[in-house]
Amino acid sequence: MSDLGCFTEQEIAAVGTAVLHHSDKGQVHGDLDELLKDADVLQHYLYNTSLERDGQVPARLVKILSELEVGQVL
C-alpha cells in the first residue's frame, strides 16, 4: 500500500498494531486498537449465532451495546 501513496507510514503502522492487538481484549491499547476489538466482539455476537452461549455475556459486549444504545443482550 505504501507504493500507492494512499497511506502514511504512521497509518500503516497503526493498522498493523490494531490487528496485532485485536485478540488481546484484556488489555487497553490505542483508540484504533480498541475500535477494532469492539468491532470484533460485535461481529461475533451478531453473526456467529451458531455459537453456544453459556449464559455469560462478556462485559465488553454489554458496554458496546450500551454505548450503541441497543436493548437487552440475547
Protein backbone atom coordinates (compact mmCIF):
# COMPACT_ATOMS: atom_id res chain seq x y z
CA MET A 1 0.00 0.00 0.00
CA SER A 2 2.84 2.39 0.67
CA ASP A 3 3.78 2.05 -3.01
CA LEU A 4 0.41 3.53 -3.95
CA GLY A 5 0.87 6.52 -1.66
CA CYS A 6 -2.61 6.01 -0.17
CA PHE A 7 -1.47 5.85 3.45
CA THR A 8 1.35 7.29 5.50
CA GLU A 9 3.83 5.02 7.24
CA GLN A 10 2.20 6.01 10.56
CA GLU A 11 -1.26 4.96 9.32
CA ILE A 12 0.08 1.64 8.07
CA ALA A 13 1.79 1.04 11.43
CA ALA A 14 -1.39 1.98 13.36
CA VAL A 15 -3.50 -0.51 11.40
CA GLY A 16 -0.86 -3.20 11.82
CA THR A 17 -0.75 -2.61 15.57
CA ALA A 18 -4.56 -2.70 15.81
CA VAL A 19 -4.63 -6.04 14.00
CA LEU A 20 -1.86 -7.36 16.24
CA HIS A 21 -3.77 -6.39 19.41
CA HIS A 22 -7.30 -7.31 18.30
CA SER A 23 -7.37 -10.58 20.23
CA ASP A 24 -5.93 -9.08 23.41
CA LYS A 25 -9.27 -7.95 24.81
CA GLY A 26 -8.00 -7.88 28.41
CA GLN A 27 -5.57 -5.03 27.81
CA VAL A 28 -6.33 -1.45 26.81
CA HIS A 29 -4.37 -0.17 23.82
CA GLY A 30 -4.77 2.80 21.47
CA ASP A 31 -8.08 4.16 20.17
CA LEU A 32 -7.88 2.34 16.83
CA ASP A 33 -6.92 -0.90 18.59
CA GLU A 34 -9.94 -0.62 20.90
CA LEU A 35 -12.26 0.18 18.00
CA LEU A 36 -11.12 -2.96 16.17
CA LYS A 37 -11.55 -5.06 19.33
CA ASP A 38 -15.10 -3.74 19.76
CA ALA A 39 -15.91 -4.42 16.11
CA ASP A 40 -14.57 -7.96 16.52
CA VAL A 41 -16.71 -8.62 19.62
CA LEU A 42 -19.81 -7.15 17.97
CA GLN A 43 -19.26 -9.13 14.77
CA HIS A 44 -19.00 -12.39 16.71
CA TYR A 45 -22.14 -11.57 18.69
CA LEU A 46 -24.22 -10.60 15.65
CA TYR A 47 -23.05 -13.09 13.05
CA ASN A 48 -21.89 -16.21 14.89
CA THR A 49 -25.36 -17.16 16.05
CA SER A 50 -24.48 -20.85 15.94
CA LEU A 51 -22.05 -20.40 18.84
CA GLU A 52 -23.31 -21.75 22.12
CA ARG A 53 -23.90 -19.09 24.73
CA ASP A 54 -23.40 -20.31 28.27
CA GLY A 55 -25.49 -17.55 29.80
CA GLN A 56 -22.44 -15.39 30.36
CA VAL A 57 -22.31 -12.12 28.49
CA PRO A 58 -18.86 -10.60 28.12
CA ALA A 59 -18.59 -7.25 29.88
CA ARG A 60 -17.10 -5.72 26.75
CA LEU A 61 -20.19 -6.69 24.75
CA VAL A 62 -22.51 -5.22 27.37
CA LYS A 63 -20.51 -1.97 27.25
CA ILE A 64 -20.58 -1.84 23.44
CA LEU A 65 -24.34 -2.43 23.27
CA SER A 66 -24.90 0.19 25.96
CA GLU A 67 -22.78 2.74 24.08
CA LEU A 68 -24.76 1.99 20.92
CA GLU A 69 -28.00 2.27 22.92
CA VAL A 70 -29.04 -1.23 21.92
CA GLY A 71 -31.56 -3.06 24.11
CA GLN A 72 -31.12 -6.25 26.08
CA VAL A 73 -28.38 -8.74 25.26
CA LEU A 74 -29.76 -12.03 23.97
